[in-house]
Amino acid sequence: MSSGRIAAAFERARAEGRAAFVAYITAGFPDAERFLDYARALLEHADLLEIGLPYSDPLGDGPTIQRASETALAQGATTARTLAWIEELRAGSDKPLALMTYYNPVYCYPQGGEHGFVRRLAAAGADGVILPDLPPDEAGRLLSAARGAGLDTVFLVAPTSTPQRIAEVVKACRGFVYAVSVTGVTGARESLPDEVADLVARTRAATELPVAVGFGVASADSAAAVAQLADGVVVGSALIRAIQSEADAGHPEGALERVGALARELAAGCRR
């Protein structure tokens, strides 16, 4: 059985007449010392925190998150350290935590491969795992392991997904379905394509799970626009860019407050 935290977060947002705010941060970014501080600042305003496992070939990520992964890896971020950071975050928060990871670190996990990875992730206190590059119809072993460990599994649908593909994806999902707003990589954008409404509608027709939209949300206004359509709003690049800006300035006094203020604005957008 899963912890139920992810489902409860979406249910609570729905009961309050708003979309859930899902905030993303790369583990170990901008450095090992500041990562937990920024993650906790985001957790103050987010309904769910998505933690990206740094990876050398993040094919679904745009330049902003690619650079964050490179920075984190250069600072010594590893799978083991990421799992330890999740433990620290869980010790101080009851909000849901989901790890976003590409499949290779899971498959190659030295202590037992897929089964060992999901058991360790669950033991660290994570509630779910988001898998952008693993086709759900090829994920049988991981799905079995995740169910046994009590982890929700989240896969992605895109504007190009056919009804048959959407049905396949949502069948493998637990917690929520991640709808990609564009046929491209992550990154803040000035506007979101018209296809988002259609994608959300087609996904909802195939499942009762909440649908969260990511890839491109950059401001409170764009968060509000997505919140009119979806059950959740995922923001990553805009937050990473704000953290990078503070890092470039040497983490001056008030840096955490400024990043927290952006998270607060985005959460407010989800409430409009």
C-alpha atoms as a PDB file:
ATOM      1  CA  MET A   1       0.000   0.000   0.000  1.00  0.00           C
ATOM      2  CA  SER A   2       1.239   3.504  -0.803  1.00  0.00           C
ATOM      3  CA  SER A   3       1.501   6.158   1.882  1.00  0.00           C
ATOM      4  CA  GLY A   4      -1.522   7.906   0.364  1.00  0.00           C
ATOM      5  CA  ARG A   5       0.143  11.302   0.786  1.00  0.00           C
ATOM      6  CA  ILE A   6       0.075  12.111  -2.930  1.00  0.00           C
ATOM      7  CA  ALA A   7      -3.601  11.235  -3.323  1.00  0.00           C
ATOM      8  CA  ALA A   8      -4.436  13.168  -0.146  1.00  0.00           C
ATOM      9  CA  ALA A   9      -2.616  16.271  -1.396  1.00  0.00           C
ATOM     10  CA  PHE A  10      -4.627  16.345  -4.625  1.00  0.00           C
ATOM     11  CA  GLU A  11      -7.862  15.621  -2.766  1.00  0.00           C
ATOM     12  CA  ARG A  12      -7.192  18.472  -0.354  1.00  0.00           C
ATOM     13  CA  ALA A  13      -6.502  20.890  -3.213  1.00  0.00           C
ATOM     14  CA  ARG A  14      -9.675  19.790  -4.997  1.00  0.00           C
ATOM     15  CA  ALA A  15     -11.720  20.283  -1.829  1.00  0.00           C
ATOM     16  CA  GLU A  16     -10.337  23.816  -1.606  1.00  0.00           C
ATOM     17  CA  GLY A  17     -11.319  24.544  -5.208  1.00  0.00           C
ATOM     18  CA  ARG A  18      -7.793  24.888  -6.552  1.00  0.00           C
ATOM     19  CA  ALA A  19      -5.034  23.014  -8.342  1.00  0.00           C
ATOM     20  CA  ALA A  20      -2.213  21.377  -6.413  1.00  0.00           C
ATOM     21  CA  PHE A  21       1.166  23.096  -6.681  1.00  0.00           C
ATOM     22  CA  VAL A  22       4.003  20.676  -7.485  1.00  0.00           C
ATOM     23  CA  ALA A  23       7.442  22.286  -7.068  1.00  0.00           C
ATOM     24  CA  TYR A  24      10.581  20.777  -8.598  1.00  0.00           C
ATOM     25  CA  ILE A  25      14.183  21.011  -7.408  1.00  0.00           C
ATOM     26  CA  THR A  26      17.295  19.120  -8.512  1.00  0.00           C
ATOM     27  CA  ALA A  27      18.892  17.163  -5.664  1.00  0.00           C
ATOM     28  CA  GLY A  28      22.200  18.675  -4.580  1.00  0.00           C
ATOM     29  CA  PHE A  29      21.570  21.953  -6.376  1.00  0.00           C
ATOM     30  CA  PRO A  30      22.974  24.571  -6.121  1.00  0.00           C
ATOM     31  CA  ASP A  31      25.282  22.721  -3.706  1.00  0.00           C
ATOM     32  CA  ALA A  32      25.003  20.091  -1.016  1.00  0.00           C
ATOM     33  CA  GLU A  33      24.806  22.649   1.788  1.00  0.00           C
ATOM     34  CA  ARG A  34      22.068  24.826   0.303  1.00  0.00           C
ATOM     35  CA  PHE A  35      19.930  22.158  -1.344  1.00  0.00           C
ATOM     36  CA  LEU A  36      18.020  21.235   1.825  1.00  0.00           C
ATOM     37  CA  ASP A  37      17.468  24.910   2.689  1.00  0.00           C
ATOM     38  CA  TYR A  38      15.898  25.637  -0.705  1.00  0.00           C
ATOM     39  CA  ALA A  39      13.912  22.391  -0.691  1.00  0.00           C
ATOM     40  CA  ARG A  40      12.429  23.279   2.696  1.00  0.00           C
ATOM     41  CA  ALA A  41      11.625  26.784   1.467  1.00  0.00           C
ATOM     42  CA  LEU A  42       9.690  25.273  -1.457  1.00  0.00           C
ATOM     43  CA  LEU A  43       7.913  22.779   0.817  1.00  0.00           C
ATOM     44  CA  GLU A  44       6.427  25.664   2.781  1.00  0.00           C
ATOM     45  CA  HIS A  45       4.259  26.522  -0.235  1.00  0.00           C
ATOM     46  CA  ALA A  46       4.117  23.378  -2.387  1.00  0.00           C
ATOM     47  CA  ASP A  47       1.570  20.594  -2.033  1.00  0.00           C
ATOM     48  CA  LEU A  48       4.117  18.103  -3.370  1.00  0.00           C
ATOM     49  CA  LEU A  49       7.868  18.354  -3.843  1.00  0.00           C
ATOM     50  CA  GLU A  50       9.394  16.706  -6.916  1.00  0.00           C
ATOM     51  CA  ILE A  51      13.099  15.992  -6.420  1.00  0.00           C
ATOM     52  CA  GLY A  52      15.170  15.385  -9.525  1.00  0.00           C
ATOM     53  CA  LEU A  53      17.951  12.799  -9.308  1.00  0.00           C
ATOM     54  CA  PRO A  54      20.980  14.374 -11.040  1.00  0.00           C
ATOM     55  CA  TYR A  55      21.836  12.457 -14.187  1.00  0.00           C
ATOM     56  CA  SER A  56      24.469  12.906 -16.877  1.00  0.00           C
ATOM     57  CA  ASP A  57      22.087  12.466 -19.834  1.00  0.00           C
ATOM     58  CA  PRO A  58      18.746  14.073 -18.880  1.00  0.00           C
ATOM     59  CA  LEU A  59      17.119  13.744 -22.288  1.00  0.00           C
ATOM     60  CA  GLY A  60      13.752  15.179 -21.228  1.00  0.00           C
ATOM     61  CA  ASP A  61      15.154  18.305 -19.620  1.00  0.00           C
ATOM     62  CA  GLY A  62      15.902  21.671 -21.152  1.00  0.00           C
ATOM     63  CA  PRO A  63      19.059  23.759 -20.619  1.00  0.00           C
ATOM     64  CA  THR A  64      18.101  25.116 -17.181  1.00  0.00           C
ATOM     65  CA  ILE A  65      17.604  21.749 -15.511  1.00  0.00           C
ATOM     66  CA  GLN A  66      20.430  20.177 -17.524  1.00  0.00           C
ATOM     67  CA  ARG A  67      22.821  22.736 -16.067  1.00  0.00           C
ATOM     68  CA  ALA A  68      21.417  22.152 -12.581  1.00  0.00           C
ATOM     69  CA  SER A  69      22.138  18.429 -12.941  1.00  0.00           C
ATOM     70  CA  GLU A  70      25.658  19.153 -14.161  1.00  0.00           C
ATOM     71  CA  THR A  71      26.249  21.496 -11.218  1.00  0.00           C
ATOM     72  CA  ALA A  72      24.907  18.990  -8.701  1.00  0.00           C
ATOM     73  CA  LEU A  73      27.011  16.153 -10.127  1.00  0.00           C
ATOM     74  CA  ALA A  74      30.118  18.343 -10.058  1.00  0.00           C
ATOM     75  CA  GLN A  75      29.349  19.112  -6.406  1.00  0.00           C
ATOM     76  CA  GLY A  76      29.305  15.388  -5.606  1.00  0.00           C
ATOM     77  CA  ALA A  77      25.601  14.545  -5.757  1.00  0.00           C
ATOM     78  CA  THR A  78      24.969  10.806  -6.070  1.00  0.00           C
ATOM     79  CA  THR A  79      22.021   8.456  -5.827  1.00  0.00           C
ATOM     80  CA  ALA A  80      23.023   7.526  -2.275  1.00  0.00           C
ATOM     81  CA  ARG A  81      23.276  11.160  -1.185  1.00  0.00           C
ATOM     82  CA  THR A  82      19.953  11.986  -2.841  1.00  0.00           C
ATOM     83  CA  LEU A  83      18.236   9.211  -0.907  1.00  0.00           C
ATOM     84  CA  ALA A  84      19.824  10.464   2.303  1.00  0.00           C
ATOM     85  CA  TRP A  85      18.583  14.005   1.559  1.00  0.00           C
ATOM     86  CA  ILE A  86      15.069  12.648   1.055  1.00  0.00           C
ATOM     87  CA  GLU A  87      15.324  11.061   4.500  1.00  0.00           C
ATOM     88  CA  GLU A  88      16.241  14.426   5.978  1.00  0.00           C
ATOM     89  CA  LEU A  89      13.346  16.155   4.241  1.00  0.00           C
ATOM     90  CA  ARG A  90      10.908  13.466   5.361  1.00  0.00           C
ATOM     91  CA  ALA A  91      12.037  13.886   8.975  1.00  0.00           C
ATOM     92  CA  GLY A  92      10.827  17.481   8.887  1.00  0.00           C
ATOM     93  CA  SER A  93       7.719  17.317   6.680  1.00  0.00           C
ATOM     94  CA  ASP A  94       4.588  15.257   6.162  1.00  0.00           C
ATOM     95  CA  LYS A  95       4.083  16.570   2.627  1.00  0.00           C
ATOM     96  CA  PRO A  96       4.474  14.124  -0.267  1.00  0.00           C
ATOM     97  CA  LEU A  97       7.898  13.720  -1.840  1.00  0.00           C
ATOM     98  CA  ALA A  98       8.358  12.228  -5.318  1.00  0.00           C
ATOM     99  CA  LEU A  99      11.666  11.396  -6.965  1.00  0.00           C
ATOM    100  CA  MET A 100      12.009  12.172 -10.681  1.00  0.00           C
ATOM    101  CA  THR A 101      14.603   9.871 -12.178  1.00  0.00           C
ATOM    102  CA  TYR A 102      15.624   8.470 -15.506  1.00  0.00           C
ATOM    103  CA  TYR A 103      15.600   4.704 -15.684  1.00  0.00           C
ATOM    104  CA  ASN A 104      19.329   4.015 -15.930  1.00  0.00           C
ATOM    105  CA  PRO A 105      20.147   4.834 -12.265  1.00  0.00           C
ATOM    106  CA  VAL A 106      17.288   2.544 -11.217  1.00  0.00           C
ATOM    107  CA  TYR A 107      18.300  -0.342 -13.462  1.00  0.00           C
ATOM    108  CA  CYS A 108      21.964  -0.017 -12.474  1.00  0.00           C
ATOM    109  CA  TYR A 109      21.392   0.492  -8.741  1.00  0.00           C
ATOM    110  CA  PRO A 110      24.239  -1.508  -7.160  1.00  0.00           C
ATOM    111  CA  GLN A 111      22.239  -2.821  -4.215  1.00  0.00           C
ATOM    112  CA  GLY A 112      19.665  -4.932  -6.015  1.00  0.00           C
ATOM    113  CA  GLY A 113      18.730  -3.098  -9.203  1.00  0.00           C
ATOM    114  CA  GLU A 114      15.092  -2.075  -9.533  1.00  0.00           C
ATOM    115  CA  HIS A 115      13.870  -3.903  -6.438  1.00  0.00           C
ATOM    116  CA  GLY A 116      16.697  -2.574  -4.317  1.00  0.00           C
ATOM    117  CA  PHE A 117      16.204   0.965  -5.599  1.00  0.00           C
ATOM    118  CA  VAL A 118      12.488   1.194  -4.869  1.00  0.00           C
ATOM    119  CA  ARG A 119      12.864  -0.436  -1.460  1.00  0.00           C
ATOM    120  CA  ARG A 120      15.553   2.078  -0.509  1.00  0.00           C
ATOM    121  CA  LEU A 121      13.525   4.971  -1.928  1.00  0.00           C
ATOM    122  CA  ALA A 122      10.470   3.936   0.063  1.00  0.00           C
ATOM    123  CA  ALA A 123      12.563   3.456   3.204  1.00  0.00           C
ATOM    124  CA  ALA A 124      13.901   6.995   2.760  1.00  0.00           C
ATOM    125  CA  GLY A 125      10.344   8.284   2.989  1.00  0.00           C
ATOM    126  CA  ALA A 126       9.510   9.025  -0.633  1.00  0.00           C
ATOM    127  CA  ASP A 127       5.917   8.574  -1.733  1.00  0.00           C
ATOM    128  CA  GLY A 128       6.397   8.135  -5.463  1.00  0.00           C
ATOM    129  CA  VAL A 129       8.733   7.937  -8.414  1.00  0.00           C
ATOM    130  CA  ILE A 130       8.342   9.821 -11.710  1.00  0.00           C
ATOM    131  CA  LEU A 131       9.864   8.032 -14.704  1.00  0.00           C
ATOM    132  CA  PRO A 132      10.052  10.165 -17.865  1.00  0.00           C
ATOM    133  CA  ASP A 133      11.985   7.758 -20.097  1.00  0.00           C
ATOM    134  CA  LEU A 134      10.648   4.325 -19.116  1.00  0.00           C
ATOM    135  CA  PRO A 135       7.785   3.140 -21.362  1.00  0.00           C
ATOM    136  CA  PRO A 136       5.095   1.810 -19.016  1.00  0.00           C
ATOM    137  CA  ASP A 137       4.532  -1.236 -21.205  1.00  0.00           C
ATOM    138  CA  GLU A 138       8.179  -2.167 -20.550  1.00  0.00           C
ATOM    139  CA  ALA A 139       8.021  -1.415 -16.829  1.00  0.00           C
ATOM    140  CA  GLY A 140       6.538  -4.650 -15.505  1.00  0.00           C
ATOM    141  CA  ARG A 141       9.343  -5.498 -13.107  1.00  0.00           C
ATOM    142  CA  LEU A 142       9.613  -1.971 -11.758  1.00  0.00           C
ATOM    143  CA  LEU A 143       5.849  -1.657 -11.329  1.00  0.00           C
ATOM    144  CA  SER A 144       5.761  -4.900  -9.380  1.00  0.00           C
ATOM    145  CA  ALA A 145       8.636  -3.773  -7.180  1.00  0.00           C
ATOM    146  CA  ALA A 146       7.099  -0.347  -6.607  1.00  0.00           C
ATOM    147  CA  ARG A 147       3.717  -1.791  -5.660  1.00  0.00           C
ATOM    148  CA  GLY A 148       5.434  -4.105  -3.208  1.00  0.00           C
ATOM    149  CA  ALA A 149       7.365  -1.201  -1.680  1.00  0.00           C
ATOM    150  CA  GLY A 150       4.297   1.046  -1.443  1.00  0.00           C
ATOM    151  CA  LEU A 151       5.545   3.613  -3.958  1.00  0.00           C
ATOM    152  CA  ASP A 152       3.286   5.453  -6.392  1.00  0.00           C
ATOM    153  CA  THR A 153       4.478   5.395 -10.010  1.00  0.00           C
ATOM    154  CA  VAL A 154       3.981   8.368 -12.320  1.00  0.00           C
ATOM    155  CA  PHE A 155       4.390   8.234 -16.093  1.00  0.00           C
ATOM    156  CA  LEU A 156       3.976  10.912 -18.748  1.00  0.00           C
ATOM    157  CA  VAL A 157       1.459  11.623 -21.481  1.00  0.00           C
ATOM    158  CA  ALA A 158       2.081  14.199 -24.222  1.00  0.00           C
ATOM    159  CA  PRO A 159       0.070  16.084 -26.848  1.00  0.00           C
ATOM    160  CA  THR A 160       1.129  13.424 -29.363  1.00  0.00           C
ATOM    161  CA  SER A 161      -0.183  10.532 -27.221  1.00  0.00           C
ATOM    162  CA  THR A 162      -2.916   8.515 -28.901  1.00  0.00           C
ATOM    163  CA  PRO A 163      -5.994   7.372 -26.957  1.00  0.00           C
ATOM    164  CA  GLN A 164      -4.509   3.876 -26.881  1.00  0.00           C
ATOM    165  CA  ARG A 165      -1.231   5.188 -25.506  1.00  0.00           C
ATOM    166  CA  ILE A 166      -2.932   7.307 -22.874  1.00  0.00           C
ATOM    167  CA  ALA A 167      -4.888   4.262 -21.723  1.00  0.00           C
ATOM    168  CA  GLU A 168      -1.647   2.289 -21.434  1.00  0.00           C
ATOM    169  CA  VAL A 169       0.085   5.047 -19.486  1.00  0.00           C
ATOM    170  CA  VAL A 170      -2.661   5.783 -16.975  1.00  0.00           C
ATOM    171  CA  LYS A 171      -3.037   2.068 -16.232  1.00  0.00           C
ATOM    172  CA  ALA A 172       0.536   2.099 -14.904  1.00  0.00           C
ATOM    173  CA  CYS A 173       0.134   5.314 -12.901  1.00  0.00           C
ATOM    174  CA  ARG A 174      -0.600   5.693  -9.215  1.00  0.00           C
ATOM    175  CA  GLY A 175      -0.914   9.024  -7.416  1.00  0.00           C
ATOM    176  CA  PHE A 176      -1.340  11.200 -10.497  1.00  0.00           C
ATOM    177  CA  VAL A 177      -0.688  11.384 -14.236  1.00  0.00           C
ATOM    178  CA  TYR A 178       1.940  13.800 -15.517  1.00  0.00           C
ATOM    179  CA  ALA A 179       0.780  15.617 -18.661  1.00  0.00           C
ATOM    180  CA  VAL A 180       3.552  17.232 -20.693  1.00  0.00           C
ATOM    181  CA  SER A 181       2.324  20.511 -22.143  1.00  0.00           C
ATOM    182  CA  VAL A 182       4.653  20.518 -25.158  1.00  0.00           C
ATOM    183  CA  THR A 183       6.324  18.108 -27.531  1.00  0.00           C
ATOM    184  CA  GLY A 184       9.746  19.096 -26.284  1.00  0.00           C
ATOM    185  CA  VAL A 185      11.894  19.414 -23.184  1.00  0.00           C
ATOM    186  CA  THR A 186      11.398  21.205 -19.882  1.00  0.00           C
ATOM    187  CA  GLY A 187      11.797  24.970 -19.724  1.00  0.00           C
ATOM    188  CA  ALA A 188       9.951  28.136 -18.798  1.00  0.00           C
ATOM    189  CA  ARG A 189       7.862  29.534 -21.676  1.00  0.00           C
ATOM    190  CA  GLU A 190       5.950  32.712 -22.314  1.00  0.00           C
ATOM    191  CA  SER A 191       2.740  30.853 -23.125  1.00  0.00           C
ATOM    192  CA  LEU A 192       1.408  27.321 -23.263  1.00  0.00           C
ATOM    193  CA  PRO A 193       0.003  25.694 -26.391  1.00  0.00           C
ATOM    194  CA  ASP A 194      -3.695  25.267 -27.041  1.00  0.00           C
ATOM    195  CA  GLU A 195      -3.245  21.481 -27.039  1.00  0.00           C
ATOM    196  CA  VAL A 196      -2.973  21.436 -23.234  1.00  0.00           C
ATOM    197  CA  ALA A 197      -6.735  21.595 -22.678  1.00  0.00           C
ATOM    198  CA  ASP A 198      -7.326  18.780 -25.144  1.00  0.00           C
ATOM    199  CA  LEU A 199      -4.606  16.613 -23.594  1.00  0.00           C
ATOM    200  CA  VAL A 200      -6.005  17.072 -20.090  1.00  0.00           C
ATOM    201  CA  ALA A 201      -9.521  16.274 -21.310  1.00  0.00           C
ATOM    202  CA  ARG A 202      -8.390  13.149 -23.137  1.00  0.00           C
ATOM    203  CA  THR A 203      -6.408  11.972 -20.116  1.00  0.00           C
ATOM    204  CA  ARG A 204      -9.280  12.577 -17.716  1.00  0.00           C
ATOM    205  CA  ALA A 205     -11.535  10.548 -19.996  1.00  0.00           C
ATOM    206  CA  ALA A 206      -9.211   7.582 -19.443  1.00  0.00           C
ATOM    207  CA  THR A 207      -8.669   7.760 -15.681  1.00  0.00           C
ATOM    208  CA  GLU A 208      -9.986   9.056 -12.372  1.00  0.00           C
ATOM    209  CA  LEU A 209      -6.459   9.928 -11.255  1.00  0.00           C
ATOM    210  CA  PRO A 210      -5.541  13.623 -10.939  1.00  0.00           C
ATOM    211  CA  VAL A 211      -3.801  15.122 -13.965  1.00  0.00           C
ATOM    212  CA  ALA A 212      -0.894  17.521 -13.359  1.00  0.00           C
ATOM    213  CA  VAL A 213       0.565  19.632 -16.170  1.00  0.00           C
ATOM    214  CA  GLY A 214       4.242  20.509 -16.406  1.00  0.00           C
ATOM    215  CA  PHE A 215       6.904  21.700 -18.877  1.00  0.00           C
ATOM    216  CA  GLY A 216       6.581  25.408 -19.460  1.00  0.00           C
ATOM    217  CA  VAL A 217       4.856  26.976 -16.444  1.00  0.00           C
ATOM    218  CA  ALA A 218       6.933  30.042 -15.619  1.00  0.00           C
ATOM    219  CA  SER A 219       4.839  32.490 -13.610  1.00  0.00           C
ATOM    220  CA  ALA A 220       1.798  32.904 -11.405  1.00  0.00           C
ATOM    221  CA  ASP A 221      -0.198  33.876 -14.493  1.00  0.00           C
ATOM    222  CA  SER A 222       0.726  30.728 -16.436  1.00  0.00           C
ATOM    223  CA  ALA A 223       0.143  28.663 -13.293  1.00  0.00           C
ATOM    224  CA  ALA A 224      -3.326  30.190 -13.041  1.00  0.00           C
ATOM    225  CA  ALA A 225      -4.029  29.381 -16.687  1.00  0.00           C
ATOM    226  CA  VAL A 226      -3.055  25.739 -16.194  1.00  0.00           C
ATOM    227  CA  ALA A 227      -4.974  25.565 -12.919  1.00  0.00           C
ATOM    228  CA  GLN A 228      -8.173  26.285 -14.856  1.00  0.00           C
ATOM    229  CA  LEU A 229      -7.614  23.064 -16.785  1.00  0.00           C
ATOM    230  CA  ALA A 230      -5.739  20.582 -14.622  1.00  0.00           C
ATOM    231  CA  ASP A 231      -5.673  19.144 -11.104  1.00  0.00           C
ATOM    232  CA  GLY A 232      -2.051  20.070 -10.565  1.00  0.00           C
ATOM    233  CA  VAL A 233       0.583  22.503 -11.824  1.00  0.00           C
ATOM    234  CA  VAL A 234       4.247  21.458 -11.989  1.00  0.00           C
ATOM    235  CA  VAL A 235       6.901  24.182 -11.942  1.00  0.00           C
ATOM    236  CA  GLY A 236      10.577  23.367 -12.328  1.00  0.00           C
ATOM    237  CA  SER A 237      12.743  25.534 -14.576  1.00  0.00           C
ATOM    238  CA  ALA A 238      11.435  28.834 -13.212  1.00  0.00           C
ATOM    239  CA  LEU A 239      12.354  27.770  -9.664  1.00  0.00           C
ATOM    240  CA  ILE A 240      15.743  26.388 -10.698  1.00  0.00           C
ATOM    241  CA  ARG A 241      16.480  29.617 -12.546  1.00  0.00           C
ATOM    242  CA  ALA A 242      15.622  31.639  -9.423  1.00  0.00           C
ATOM    243  CA  ILE A 243      17.894  29.483  -7.260  1.00  0.00           C
ATOM    244  CA  GLN A 244      20.695  29.780  -9.821  1.00  0.00           C
ATOM    245  CA  SER A 245      20.319  33.542  -9.801  1.00  0.00           C
ATOM    246  CA  GLU A 246      20.776  33.615  -6.034  1.00  0.00           C
ATOM    247  CA  ALA A 247      23.758  31.256  -6.303  1.00  0.00           C
ATOM    248  CA  ASP A 248      25.367  33.502  -8.920  1.00  0.00           C
ATOM    249  CA  ALA A 249      24.966  36.409  -6.515  1.00  0.00           C
ATOM    250  CA  GLY A 250      26.704  34.479  -3.754  1.00  0.00           C
ATOM    251  CA  HIS A 251      23.530  33.594  -1.824  1.00  0.00           C
ATOM    252  CA  PRO A 252      23.063  37.079  -0.392  1.00  0.00           C
ATOM    253  CA  GLU A 253      20.938  37.738   2.651  1.00  0.00           C
ATOM    254  CA  GLY A 254      17.305  37.075   1.852  1.00  0.00           C
ATOM    255  CA  ALA A 255      18.023  34.512  -0.896  1.00  0.00           C
ATOM    256  CA  LEU A 256      15.833  31.831   0.659  1.00  0.00           C
ATOM    257  CA  GLU A 257      13.071  34.355   1.244  1.00  0.00           C
ATOM    258  CA  ARG A 258      13.144  35.457  -2.401  1.00  0.00           C
ATOM    259  CA  VAL A 259      12.920  31.911  -3.721  1.00  0.00           C
ATOM    260  CA  GLY A 260      10.198  31.195  -1.173  1.00  0.00           C
ATOM    261  CA  ALA A 261       8.341  34.302  -2.331  1.00  0.00           C
ATOM    262  CA  LEU A 262       8.348  32.999  -5.919  1.00  0.00           C
ATOM    263  CA  ALA A 263       6.983  29.673  -4.689  1.00  0.00           C
ATOM    264  CA  ARG A 264       4.304  31.553  -2.767  1.00  0.00           C
ATOM    265  CA  GLU A 265       3.333  33.491  -5.920  1.00  0.00           C
ATOM    266  CA  LEU A 266       3.113  30.298  -7.944  1.00  0.00           C
ATOM    267  CA  ALA A 267       0.990  28.649  -5.256  1.00  0.00           C
ATOM    268  CA  ALA A 268      -1.280  31.699  -5.304  1.00  0.00           C
ATOM    269  CA  GLY A 269      -1.600  31.330  -9.078  1.00  0.00           C
ATOM    270  CA  CYS A 270      -2.826  27.783  -8.532  1.00  0.00           C
ATOM    271  CA  ARG A 271      -5.565  29.187  -6.274  1.00  0.00           C
ATOM    272  CA  ARG A 272      -7.026  31.684  -8.725  1.00  0.00           C
END
